[in-house]
C-alpha cells in the first residue's frame, strides 16, 4: 500500500458511462463489504442514477451509489421504521458504500461521501445500514443524517436495519418538490 491517501480521486458516473470492468469492480467491492448480495447489486446496477468510484489512478478502492427507488419502496422503508409521514417520494437512496478492507479508516469514505454530497445538493435522500455494522450504522454523527424512527427487519435482509435520512421534513411537504435546505 504505497499510494498516498492525499492522491485519492473520486468520480461520479452514470452506469451507462462506466466500462464493464468498472462495473465488475463495483459489484466485487460491494459484495466483499457485505452491504448487499451480489445478485441484488447486479440486478439493480442499471437502475442506479450514478455510481461513485474512489481510488488512485485506475485502482478502485471505494465505491458508493445513488438509486432512484420506486415510491412504494420508499414508503415501505419509512413505514418499517415507524415514520410513514416522513416518506418523501423524491428521495434518492445512498447505498452500496464499500471500501476495500486494506483502506478502511483512511479517509476513503469521507472522500466518496463528499463527492456524493456535491452531486446531491439539497435534494432529499436516505440510506439503510446494518445495525451490526458499527462503523457506519450510526451516521447521525455526520451532520447531514438523522436516525429515522426505530430499527427494523426487512424481508430482503437477514440483518436488523437502520434508516437514516437527510433533507427530509418530519412530515413530507409536497409543495417543496426537490427544493430542500
N, C-alpha and C. Protein backbone atom coordinates (compact mmCIF):
# COMPACT_ATOMS: atom_id res chain seq x y z
N UNK A 1 0.85 -1.17 0.00
CA UNK A 1 0.00 0.00 0.00
C UNK A 1 0.90 1.24 0.00
N UNK A 2 1.44 1.56 -1.14
CA UNK A 2 2.37 2.68 -1.25
C UNK A 2 1.69 3.97 -1.70
N UNK A 3 0.41 3.90 -2.04
CA UNK A 3 -0.29 5.09 -2.50
C UNK A 3 -0.44 6.09 -1.37
N UNK A 4 -0.38 7.36 -1.71
CA UNK A 4 -0.57 8.42 -0.75
C UNK A 4 -2.05 8.77 -0.72
N UNK A 5 -2.65 8.76 0.46
CA UNK A 5 -4.08 8.98 0.60
C UNK A 5 -4.49 10.37 0.08
N UNK A 6 -3.55 11.33 0.05
CA UNK A 6 -3.86 12.65 -0.50
C UNK A 6 -4.07 12.61 -2.01
N UNK A 7 -3.64 11.54 -2.66
CA UNK A 7 -3.80 11.42 -4.11
C UNK A 7 -5.11 10.75 -4.51
N UNK A 8 -6.03 10.59 -3.56
CA UNK A 8 -7.32 10.00 -3.88
C UNK A 8 -8.06 10.85 -4.89
N UNK A 9 -8.79 10.16 -5.74
CA UNK A 9 -9.63 10.85 -6.72
C UNK A 9 -10.98 10.16 -6.72
N UNK A 10 -12.04 10.92 -6.75
CA UNK A 10 -13.39 10.35 -6.80
C UNK A 10 -14.09 10.86 -8.03
N UNK A 11 -14.73 9.93 -8.74
CA UNK A 11 -15.53 10.31 -9.91
C UNK A 11 -16.95 9.79 -9.75
N UNK A 12 -17.88 10.53 -10.31
CA UNK A 12 -19.30 10.20 -10.26
C UNK A 12 -19.75 10.00 -11.71
N UNK A 13 -20.24 8.78 -12.00
CA UNK A 13 -20.63 8.44 -13.37
C UNK A 13 -21.98 7.75 -13.42
N UNK A 14 -22.72 7.98 -14.49
CA UNK A 14 -23.93 7.19 -14.73
C UNK A 14 -23.49 5.78 -15.09
N UNK A 15 -24.26 4.76 -14.74
CA UNK A 15 -23.86 3.38 -15.05
C UNK A 15 -23.55 3.16 -16.53
N UNK A 16 -24.32 3.78 -17.40
CA UNK A 16 -24.09 3.59 -18.84
C UNK A 16 -22.79 4.22 -19.32
N UNK A 17 -22.19 5.09 -18.51
CA UNK A 17 -20.91 5.69 -18.87
C UNK A 17 -19.71 4.95 -18.28
N UNK A 18 -19.97 3.86 -17.56
CA UNK A 18 -18.90 3.07 -16.94
C UNK A 18 -18.52 1.90 -17.84
N UNK A 19 -17.26 1.55 -17.82
CA UNK A 19 -16.81 0.37 -18.56
C UNK A 19 -17.31 -0.88 -17.83
N UNK A 20 -17.34 -1.99 -18.51
CA UNK A 20 -17.74 -3.26 -17.88
C UNK A 20 -16.78 -3.62 -16.75
N UNK A 21 -15.50 -3.31 -16.94
CA UNK A 21 -14.50 -3.58 -15.91
C UNK A 21 -14.79 -2.77 -14.64
N UNK A 22 -15.18 -1.51 -14.79
CA UNK A 22 -15.51 -0.67 -13.63
C UNK A 22 -16.74 -1.22 -12.92
N UNK A 23 -17.74 -1.61 -13.68
CA UNK A 23 -18.96 -2.14 -13.08
C UNK A 23 -18.68 -3.45 -12.34
N UNK A 24 -17.83 -4.27 -12.91
CA UNK A 24 -17.47 -5.53 -12.26
C UNK A 24 -16.72 -5.27 -10.94
N UNK A 25 -15.79 -4.35 -10.94
CA UNK A 25 -15.06 -4.00 -9.72
C UNK A 25 -16.03 -3.43 -8.67
N UNK A 26 -16.98 -2.63 -9.13
CA UNK A 26 -18.00 -2.08 -8.23
C UNK A 26 -18.75 -3.22 -7.53
N UNK A 27 -19.25 -4.17 -8.30
CA UNK A 27 -20.00 -5.30 -7.75
C UNK A 27 -19.14 -6.10 -6.78
N UNK A 28 -17.89 -6.35 -7.14
CA UNK A 28 -16.98 -7.12 -6.28
C UNK A 28 -16.75 -6.42 -4.94
N UNK A 29 -16.52 -5.11 -4.96
CA UNK A 29 -16.29 -4.37 -3.72
C UNK A 29 -17.53 -4.37 -2.83
N UNK A 30 -18.70 -4.18 -3.42
CA UNK A 30 -19.93 -4.16 -2.63
C UNK A 30 -20.18 -5.53 -2.01
N UNK A 31 -20.01 -6.59 -2.81
CA UNK A 31 -20.23 -7.95 -2.30
C UNK A 31 -19.22 -8.28 -1.19
N UNK A 32 -17.98 -7.87 -1.36
CA UNK A 32 -16.95 -8.14 -0.34
C UNK A 32 -17.24 -7.39 0.95
N UNK A 33 -17.84 -6.22 0.85
CA UNK A 33 -18.16 -5.42 2.03
C UNK A 33 -19.39 -5.90 2.78
N UNK A 34 -20.19 -6.77 2.15
CA UNK A 34 -21.35 -7.34 2.81
C UNK A 34 -22.58 -6.45 2.87
N UNK A 35 -22.56 -5.31 2.19
CA UNK A 35 -23.71 -4.41 2.24
C UNK A 35 -24.90 -4.93 1.44
N UNK A 36 -24.65 -5.74 0.44
CA UNK A 36 -25.74 -6.30 -0.37
C UNK A 36 -25.24 -7.56 -1.06
N UNK A 37 -26.16 -8.44 -1.35
CA UNK A 37 -25.81 -9.67 -2.05
C UNK A 37 -25.47 -9.33 -3.50
N UNK A 38 -24.51 -10.04 -4.04
CA UNK A 38 -24.01 -9.76 -5.38
C UNK A 38 -25.12 -9.76 -6.43
N UNK A 39 -26.03 -10.73 -6.38
CA UNK A 39 -27.07 -10.79 -7.41
C UNK A 39 -28.01 -9.57 -7.34
N UNK A 40 -28.25 -9.04 -6.13
CA UNK A 40 -29.10 -7.84 -6.00
C UNK A 40 -28.40 -6.62 -6.58
N UNK A 41 -27.10 -6.51 -6.36
CA UNK A 41 -26.34 -5.39 -6.90
C UNK A 41 -26.34 -5.47 -8.42
N UNK A 42 -26.04 -6.64 -8.96
CA UNK A 42 -26.03 -6.79 -10.43
C UNK A 42 -27.37 -6.44 -11.05
N UNK A 43 -28.45 -6.88 -10.40
CA UNK A 43 -29.79 -6.61 -10.93
C UNK A 43 -30.11 -5.11 -10.90
N UNK A 44 -29.75 -4.43 -9.82
CA UNK A 44 -30.12 -3.03 -9.63
C UNK A 44 -29.15 -2.03 -10.25
N UNK A 45 -27.95 -2.47 -10.56
CA UNK A 45 -26.92 -1.56 -11.07
C UNK A 45 -27.39 -0.69 -12.23
N UNK A 46 -28.07 -1.26 -13.24
CA UNK A 46 -28.51 -0.41 -14.35
C UNK A 46 -29.53 0.65 -13.96
N UNK A 47 -30.20 0.47 -12.83
CA UNK A 47 -31.21 1.42 -12.38
C UNK A 47 -30.64 2.51 -11.47
N UNK A 48 -29.36 2.47 -11.24
CA UNK A 48 -28.72 3.48 -10.41
C UNK A 48 -28.71 4.81 -11.15
N UNK A 49 -28.84 5.88 -10.40
CA UNK A 49 -28.70 7.21 -11.00
C UNK A 49 -27.23 7.45 -11.32
N UNK A 50 -26.37 7.20 -10.31
CA UNK A 50 -24.93 7.33 -10.51
C UNK A 50 -24.19 6.32 -9.66
N UNK A 51 -22.98 6.00 -10.10
CA UNK A 51 -22.03 5.19 -9.33
C UNK A 51 -20.87 6.10 -8.95
N UNK A 52 -20.35 5.91 -7.76
CA UNK A 52 -19.28 6.76 -7.26
C UNK A 52 -18.05 5.89 -7.00
N UNK A 53 -16.94 6.24 -7.63
CA UNK A 53 -15.70 5.47 -7.53
C UNK A 53 -14.61 6.33 -6.90
N UNK A 54 -13.92 5.78 -5.92
CA UNK A 54 -12.78 6.47 -5.30
C UNK A 54 -11.57 5.57 -5.43
N UNK A 55 -10.45 6.16 -5.81
CA UNK A 55 -9.24 5.36 -5.94
C UNK A 55 -8.02 6.18 -6.31
N UNK A 56 -6.98 5.45 -6.68
CA UNK A 56 -5.71 6.01 -7.14
C UNK A 56 -5.55 5.59 -8.60
N UNK A 57 -5.44 6.54 -9.50
CA UNK A 57 -5.29 6.17 -10.91
C UNK A 57 -6.41 5.25 -11.35
N UNK A 58 -6.06 4.05 -11.81
CA UNK A 58 -7.06 3.07 -12.24
C UNK A 58 -7.40 2.05 -11.16
N UNK A 59 -6.90 2.23 -9.95
CA UNK A 59 -7.17 1.30 -8.86
C UNK A 59 -8.35 1.81 -8.03
N UNK A 60 -9.45 1.09 -8.08
CA UNK A 60 -10.65 1.47 -7.34
C UNK A 60 -10.59 0.84 -5.95
N UNK A 61 -10.71 1.68 -4.91
CA UNK A 61 -10.64 1.17 -3.54
C UNK A 61 -11.90 1.45 -2.73
N UNK A 62 -12.80 2.26 -3.28
CA UNK A 62 -14.05 2.56 -2.59
C UNK A 62 -15.14 2.90 -3.58
N UNK A 63 -16.36 2.51 -3.26
CA UNK A 63 -17.49 2.77 -4.15
C UNK A 63 -18.72 3.17 -3.34
N UNK A 64 -19.68 3.73 -4.02
CA UNK A 64 -20.98 4.06 -3.47
C UNK A 64 -21.91 4.30 -4.65
N UNK A 65 -23.20 4.43 -4.38
CA UNK A 65 -24.15 4.66 -5.47
C UNK A 65 -25.33 5.47 -4.98
N UNK A 66 -26.03 6.05 -5.92
CA UNK A 66 -27.30 6.70 -5.66
C UNK A 66 -28.35 6.06 -6.56
N UNK A 67 -29.41 5.59 -5.94
CA UNK A 67 -30.51 4.94 -6.66
C UNK A 67 -31.75 5.81 -6.60
N UNK A 68 -32.60 5.67 -7.59
CA UNK A 68 -33.93 6.29 -7.57
C UNK A 68 -34.95 5.18 -7.35
N UNK A 69 -35.22 4.87 -6.09
CA UNK A 69 -36.15 3.77 -5.82
C UNK A 69 -37.58 4.15 -6.17
N UNK A 70 -38.39 3.12 -6.34
CA UNK A 70 -39.81 3.35 -6.58
C UNK A 70 -40.44 3.94 -5.33
N UNK A 71 -41.45 4.75 -5.52
CA UNK A 71 -42.13 5.41 -4.41
C UNK A 71 -42.66 4.40 -3.40
N UNK A 72 -43.18 3.29 -3.87
CA UNK A 72 -43.73 2.28 -2.96
C UNK A 72 -42.63 1.70 -2.05
N UNK A 73 -41.43 1.56 -2.57
CA UNK A 73 -40.30 1.08 -1.77
C UNK A 73 -39.92 2.11 -0.70
N UNK A 74 -39.88 3.38 -1.08
CA UNK A 74 -39.56 4.43 -0.12
C UNK A 74 -40.60 4.44 1.00
N UNK A 75 -41.87 4.35 0.62
CA UNK A 75 -42.95 4.30 1.62
C UNK A 75 -42.77 3.11 2.55
N UNK A 76 -42.41 1.95 1.97
CA UNK A 76 -42.20 0.74 2.76
C UNK A 76 -41.11 0.95 3.82
N UNK A 77 -39.98 1.54 3.42
CA UNK A 77 -38.88 1.77 4.36
C UNK A 77 -39.29 2.64 5.53
N UNK A 78 -39.96 3.74 5.23
CA UNK A 78 -40.35 4.67 6.29
C UNK A 78 -41.45 4.07 7.17
N UNK A 79 -42.31 3.23 6.59
CA UNK A 79 -43.30 2.51 7.40
C UNK A 79 -42.62 1.51 8.33
N UNK A 80 -41.64 0.77 7.80
CA UNK A 80 -40.89 -0.19 8.63
C UNK A 80 -40.21 0.51 9.81
N UNK A 81 -39.73 1.72 9.58
CA UNK A 81 -39.06 2.48 10.64
C UNK A 81 -40.07 3.17 11.56
N UNK A 82 -41.37 3.07 11.23
CA UNK A 82 -42.40 3.67 12.08
C UNK A 82 -42.63 5.16 11.85
N UNK A 83 -42.16 5.68 10.72
CA UNK A 83 -42.31 7.10 10.41
C UNK A 83 -42.86 7.29 8.99
N UNK A 84 -44.05 6.76 8.69
CA UNK A 84 -44.57 6.84 7.32
C UNK A 84 -44.80 8.28 6.84
N UNK A 85 -45.09 9.20 7.75
CA UNK A 85 -45.34 10.59 7.37
C UNK A 85 -44.09 11.29 6.85
N UNK A 86 -42.94 10.72 7.12
CA UNK A 86 -41.67 11.32 6.70
C UNK A 86 -41.27 10.87 5.29
N UNK A 87 -41.94 9.87 4.76
CA UNK A 87 -41.61 9.33 3.44
C UNK A 87 -41.72 10.42 2.37
N UNK A 88 -40.68 10.56 1.58
CA UNK A 88 -40.63 11.58 0.54
C UNK A 88 -40.43 10.88 -0.81
N UNK A 89 -41.40 10.96 -1.72
CA UNK A 89 -41.28 10.25 -2.99
C UNK A 89 -40.13 10.75 -3.88
N UNK A 90 -39.57 11.90 -3.55
CA UNK A 90 -38.45 12.44 -4.33
C UNK A 90 -37.10 12.02 -3.77
N UNK A 91 -37.11 11.30 -2.67
CA UNK A 91 -35.87 10.89 -2.02
C UNK A 91 -35.08 9.91 -2.88
N UNK A 92 -33.78 10.12 -2.93
CA UNK A 92 -32.91 9.16 -3.59
C UNK A 92 -32.19 8.37 -2.51
N UNK A 93 -31.76 7.17 -2.86
CA UNK A 93 -31.13 6.29 -1.86
C UNK A 93 -29.63 6.27 -2.06
N UNK A 94 -28.91 6.58 -1.01
CA UNK A 94 -27.46 6.45 -0.99
C UNK A 94 -27.17 5.03 -0.52
N UNK A 95 -26.48 4.26 -1.33
CA UNK A 95 -26.32 2.85 -1.00
C UNK A 95 -25.00 2.28 -1.50
N UNK A 96 -24.80 1.03 -1.12
CA UNK A 96 -23.69 0.21 -1.58
C UNK A 96 -22.32 0.79 -1.26
N UNK A 97 -22.24 1.53 -0.19
CA UNK A 97 -20.95 2.06 0.23
C UNK A 97 -20.05 0.90 0.63
N UNK A 98 -18.89 0.85 0.03
CA UNK A 98 -17.94 -0.19 0.39
C UNK A 98 -16.52 0.31 0.12
N UNK A 99 -15.64 0.05 1.08
CA UNK A 99 -14.24 0.42 0.95
C UNK A 99 -13.41 -0.85 1.09
N UNK A 100 -12.45 -1.02 0.23
CA UNK A 100 -11.53 -2.15 0.29
C UNK A 100 -10.96 -2.26 1.70
N UNK A 101 -10.93 -3.46 2.25
CA UNK A 101 -10.54 -3.66 3.64
C UNK A 101 -9.20 -3.02 3.99
N UNK A 102 -8.24 -3.09 3.10
CA UNK A 102 -6.91 -2.53 3.38
C UNK A 102 -6.92 -1.01 3.52
N UNK A 103 -7.97 -0.36 3.06
CA UNK A 103 -8.02 1.11 3.07
C UNK A 103 -9.06 1.67 4.04
N UNK A 104 -9.70 0.83 4.81
CA UNK A 104 -10.71 1.31 5.75
C UNK A 104 -10.04 2.14 6.85
N UNK A 105 -10.74 3.20 7.26
CA UNK A 105 -10.23 4.07 8.31
C UNK A 105 -9.18 5.05 7.84
N UNK A 106 -9.04 5.22 6.53
CA UNK A 106 -8.01 6.10 5.99
C UNK A 106 -8.58 7.29 5.23
N UNK A 107 -9.88 7.56 5.36
CA UNK A 107 -10.47 8.74 4.72
C UNK A 107 -11.14 8.49 3.38
N UNK A 108 -11.17 7.25 2.93
CA UNK A 108 -11.76 6.95 1.63
C UNK A 108 -13.27 7.24 1.65
N UNK A 109 -13.95 6.81 2.74
CA UNK A 109 -15.38 7.06 2.84
C UNK A 109 -15.68 8.55 2.80
N UNK A 110 -14.91 9.35 3.53
CA UNK A 110 -15.15 10.80 3.56
C UNK A 110 -14.97 11.40 2.16
N UNK A 111 -13.99 10.94 1.44
CA UNK A 111 -13.74 11.43 0.09
C UNK A 111 -14.93 11.08 -0.81
N UNK A 112 -15.37 9.83 -0.74
CA UNK A 112 -16.50 9.35 -1.53
C UNK A 112 -17.77 10.11 -1.14
N UNK A 113 -18.00 10.28 0.16
CA UNK A 113 -19.18 10.96 0.67
C UNK A 113 -19.22 12.42 0.24
N UNK A 114 -18.08 13.07 0.22
CA UNK A 114 -18.00 14.47 -0.20
C UNK A 114 -18.46 14.63 -1.65
N UNK A 115 -18.02 13.73 -2.52
CA UNK A 115 -18.44 13.77 -3.93
C UNK A 115 -19.94 13.51 -4.03
N UNK A 116 -20.44 12.58 -3.22
CA UNK A 116 -21.88 12.28 -3.21
C UNK A 116 -22.67 13.52 -2.81
N UNK A 117 -22.25 14.18 -1.74
CA UNK A 117 -22.96 15.37 -1.27
C UNK A 117 -22.93 16.50 -2.28
N UNK A 118 -21.80 16.68 -2.97
CA UNK A 118 -21.72 17.69 -4.04
C UNK A 118 -22.74 17.38 -5.14
N UNK A 119 -22.85 16.10 -5.48
CA UNK A 119 -23.78 15.69 -6.53
C UNK A 119 -25.24 15.89 -6.09
N UNK A 120 -25.56 15.49 -4.86
CA UNK A 120 -26.94 15.54 -4.37
C UNK A 120 -27.43 16.97 -4.19
N UNK A 121 -26.57 17.85 -3.72
CA UNK A 121 -27.01 19.22 -3.45
C UNK A 121 -28.01 19.22 -2.30
N UNK A 122 -29.17 19.85 -2.51
CA UNK A 122 -30.15 19.94 -1.42
C UNK A 122 -31.33 18.99 -1.61
N UNK A 123 -31.17 17.98 -2.46
CA UNK A 123 -32.26 17.01 -2.65
C UNK A 123 -32.38 16.10 -1.42
N UNK A 124 -33.58 15.61 -1.16
CA UNK A 124 -33.75 14.67 -0.05
C UNK A 124 -33.15 13.31 -0.41
N UNK A 125 -32.55 12.67 0.59
CA UNK A 125 -32.00 11.33 0.35
C UNK A 125 -32.02 10.53 1.64
N UNK A 126 -31.87 9.23 1.48
CA UNK A 126 -31.90 8.33 2.64
C UNK A 126 -30.91 7.20 2.40
N UNK A 127 -30.62 6.48 3.46
CA UNK A 127 -29.73 5.33 3.37
C UNK A 127 -30.17 4.29 4.40
N UNK A 128 -29.84 3.05 4.14
CA UNK A 128 -30.14 1.96 5.06
C UNK A 128 -28.81 1.33 5.43
N UNK A 129 -28.60 1.09 6.71
CA UNK A 129 -27.37 0.47 7.19
C UNK A 129 -27.69 -0.69 8.11
N UNK A 130 -26.83 -1.70 8.09
CA UNK A 130 -26.96 -2.81 9.03
C UNK A 130 -26.59 -2.30 10.42
N UNK A 131 -27.45 -2.52 11.39
CA UNK A 131 -27.19 -2.08 12.76
C UNK A 131 -25.89 -2.70 13.28
N UNK A 132 -25.62 -3.94 12.90
CA UNK A 132 -24.43 -4.64 13.38
C UNK A 132 -23.13 -4.05 12.83
N UNK A 133 -23.22 -3.30 11.72
CA UNK A 133 -22.03 -2.68 11.14
C UNK A 133 -21.77 -1.38 11.89
N UNK A 134 -21.10 -1.49 13.02
CA UNK A 134 -20.92 -0.36 13.94
C UNK A 134 -20.20 0.82 13.30
N UNK A 135 -19.35 0.58 12.33
CA UNK A 135 -18.58 1.68 11.75
C UNK A 135 -19.44 2.64 10.94
N UNK A 136 -20.56 2.18 10.40
CA UNK A 136 -21.42 3.09 9.61
C UNK A 136 -22.88 3.05 10.02
N UNK A 137 -23.24 2.25 11.02
CA UNK A 137 -24.65 2.14 11.39
C UNK A 137 -25.21 3.45 11.91
N UNK A 138 -24.44 4.19 12.68
CA UNK A 138 -24.95 5.44 13.24
C UNK A 138 -24.36 6.63 12.51
N UNK A 139 -24.93 6.92 11.35
CA UNK A 139 -24.44 8.05 10.56
C UNK A 139 -24.96 9.38 11.08
N UNK A 140 -25.77 9.37 12.14
CA UNK A 140 -26.28 10.63 12.67
C UNK A 140 -25.15 11.48 13.26
N UNK A 141 -23.98 10.86 13.46
CA UNK A 141 -22.82 11.63 13.89
C UNK A 141 -22.37 12.58 12.77
N UNK A 142 -22.68 12.19 11.55
CA UNK A 142 -22.41 13.06 10.40
C UNK A 142 -23.54 14.08 10.36
N UNK A 143 -23.25 15.31 10.09
CA UNK A 143 -24.23 16.38 10.18
C UNK A 143 -25.45 16.18 9.29
N UNK A 144 -25.28 15.55 8.16
CA UNK A 144 -26.39 15.52 7.21
C UNK A 144 -27.47 14.49 7.53
N UNK A 145 -27.17 13.46 8.31
CA UNK A 145 -28.14 12.39 8.55
C UNK A 145 -28.84 12.49 9.90
N UNK A 146 -30.10 12.04 9.92
CA UNK A 146 -30.82 11.83 11.18
C UNK A 146 -31.33 10.39 11.17
N UNK A 147 -31.34 9.79 12.34
CA UNK A 147 -31.85 8.43 12.50
C UNK A 147 -33.38 8.51 12.42
N UNK A 148 -33.97 7.73 11.52
CA UNK A 148 -35.42 7.76 11.32
C UNK A 148 -36.06 6.63 12.11
N UNK A 149 -36.93 6.99 13.04
CA UNK A 149 -37.73 6.00 13.76
C UNK A 149 -36.94 4.95 14.50
N UNK A 150 -37.42 3.71 14.34
CA UNK A 150 -36.82 2.58 15.05
C UNK A 150 -36.13 1.65 14.05
N UNK A 151 -35.17 0.88 14.53
CA UNK A 151 -34.51 -0.12 13.70
C UNK A 151 -35.51 -1.23 13.38
N UNK A 152 -35.31 -1.94 12.27
CA UNK A 152 -36.30 -2.91 11.82
C UNK A 152 -35.67 -4.04 11.02
N UNK A 153 -36.44 -5.10 10.84
CA UNK A 153 -36.05 -6.20 9.95
C UNK A 153 -36.87 -6.06 8.67
N UNK A 154 -36.26 -6.44 7.56
CA UNK A 154 -36.92 -6.37 6.25
C UNK A 154 -36.91 -7.77 5.63
N UNK A 155 -37.91 -8.08 4.82
CA UNK A 155 -37.93 -9.40 4.16
C UNK A 155 -36.73 -9.64 3.23
N UNK A 156 -36.06 -8.57 2.79
CA UNK A 156 -34.95 -8.75 1.86
C UNK A 156 -33.58 -8.79 2.54
N UNK A 157 -33.57 -8.78 3.88
CA UNK A 157 -32.29 -8.82 4.58
C UNK A 157 -32.42 -9.64 5.85
N UNK A 158 -31.38 -10.38 6.16
CA UNK A 158 -31.37 -11.16 7.41
C UNK A 158 -30.87 -10.31 8.57
N UNK A 159 -30.44 -9.08 8.29
CA UNK A 159 -29.87 -8.19 9.29
C UNK A 159 -30.90 -7.17 9.79
N UNK A 160 -30.73 -6.73 11.02
CA UNK A 160 -31.53 -5.63 11.53
C UNK A 160 -31.01 -4.37 10.84
N UNK A 161 -31.94 -3.52 10.39
CA UNK A 161 -31.58 -2.36 9.59
C UNK A 161 -31.91 -1.05 10.29
N UNK A 162 -31.19 -0.01 9.90
CA UNK A 162 -31.41 1.34 10.41
C UNK A 162 -31.59 2.26 9.22
N UNK A 163 -32.67 3.05 9.25
CA UNK A 163 -32.94 4.02 8.19
C UNK A 163 -32.43 5.39 8.65
N UNK A 164 -31.64 6.02 7.81
CA UNK A 164 -31.11 7.35 8.06
C UNK A 164 -31.57 8.23 6.90
N UNK A 165 -31.87 9.50 7.18
CA UNK A 165 -32.33 10.40 6.13
C UNK A 165 -31.69 11.77 6.27
N UNK A 166 -31.66 12.48 5.15
CA UNK A 166 -31.16 13.86 5.13
C UNK A 166 -32.06 14.67 4.22
N UNK A 167 -32.23 15.92 4.58
CA UNK A 167 -33.10 16.84 3.82
C UNK A 167 -34.54 16.35 3.76
N UNK A 168 -34.96 15.64 4.78
CA UNK A 168 -36.34 15.19 4.92
C UNK A 168 -37.00 16.00 6.03
N UNK A 169 -38.24 16.40 5.82
CA UNK A 169 -39.01 17.05 6.89
C UNK A 169 -39.64 15.97 7.76
N UNK A 170 -39.97 16.30 9.02
CA UNK A 170 -40.66 15.33 9.89
C UNK A 170 -41.98 14.86 9.29
N UNK A 171 -42.62 15.75 8.53
CA UNK A 171 -43.82 15.40 7.76
C UNK A 171 -43.58 15.90 6.34
N UNK A 172 -43.67 15.00 5.36
CA UNK A 172 -43.40 15.36 3.97
C UNK A 172 -44.28 16.52 3.52
N UNK A 173 -43.67 17.50 2.90
CA UNK A 173 -44.37 18.68 2.38
C UNK A 173 -44.26 18.66 0.86
N UNK A 174 -45.33 18.24 0.15
CA UNK A 174 -45.25 18.12 -1.31
C UNK A 174 -45.00 19.43 -2.04
N UNK A 175 -45.24 20.56 -1.40
CA UNK A 175 -45.01 21.84 -2.07
C UNK A 175 -43.52 22.13 -2.25
N UNK A 176 -42.67 21.44 -1.50
CA UNK A 176 -41.24 21.69 -1.61
C UNK A 176 -40.62 21.02 -2.84
N UNK A 177 -41.26 19.99 -3.36
CA UNK A 177 -40.74 19.23 -4.50
C UNK A 177 -39.30 18.81 -4.21
N UNK A 178 -38.34 19.22 -5.05
CA UNK A 178 -36.95 18.81 -4.85
C UNK A 178 -36.13 19.87 -4.13
N UNK A 179 -36.76 20.94 -3.73
CA UNK A 179 -36.01 22.08 -3.13
C UNK A 179 -36.04 21.97 -1.62
N UNK A 180 -34.96 21.56 -1.04
CA UNK A 180 -34.82 21.45 0.41
C UNK A 180 -33.58 22.18 0.85
N UNK A 181 -33.63 22.75 2.02
CA UNK A 181 -32.41 23.38 2.56
C UNK A 181 -32.36 23.23 4.05
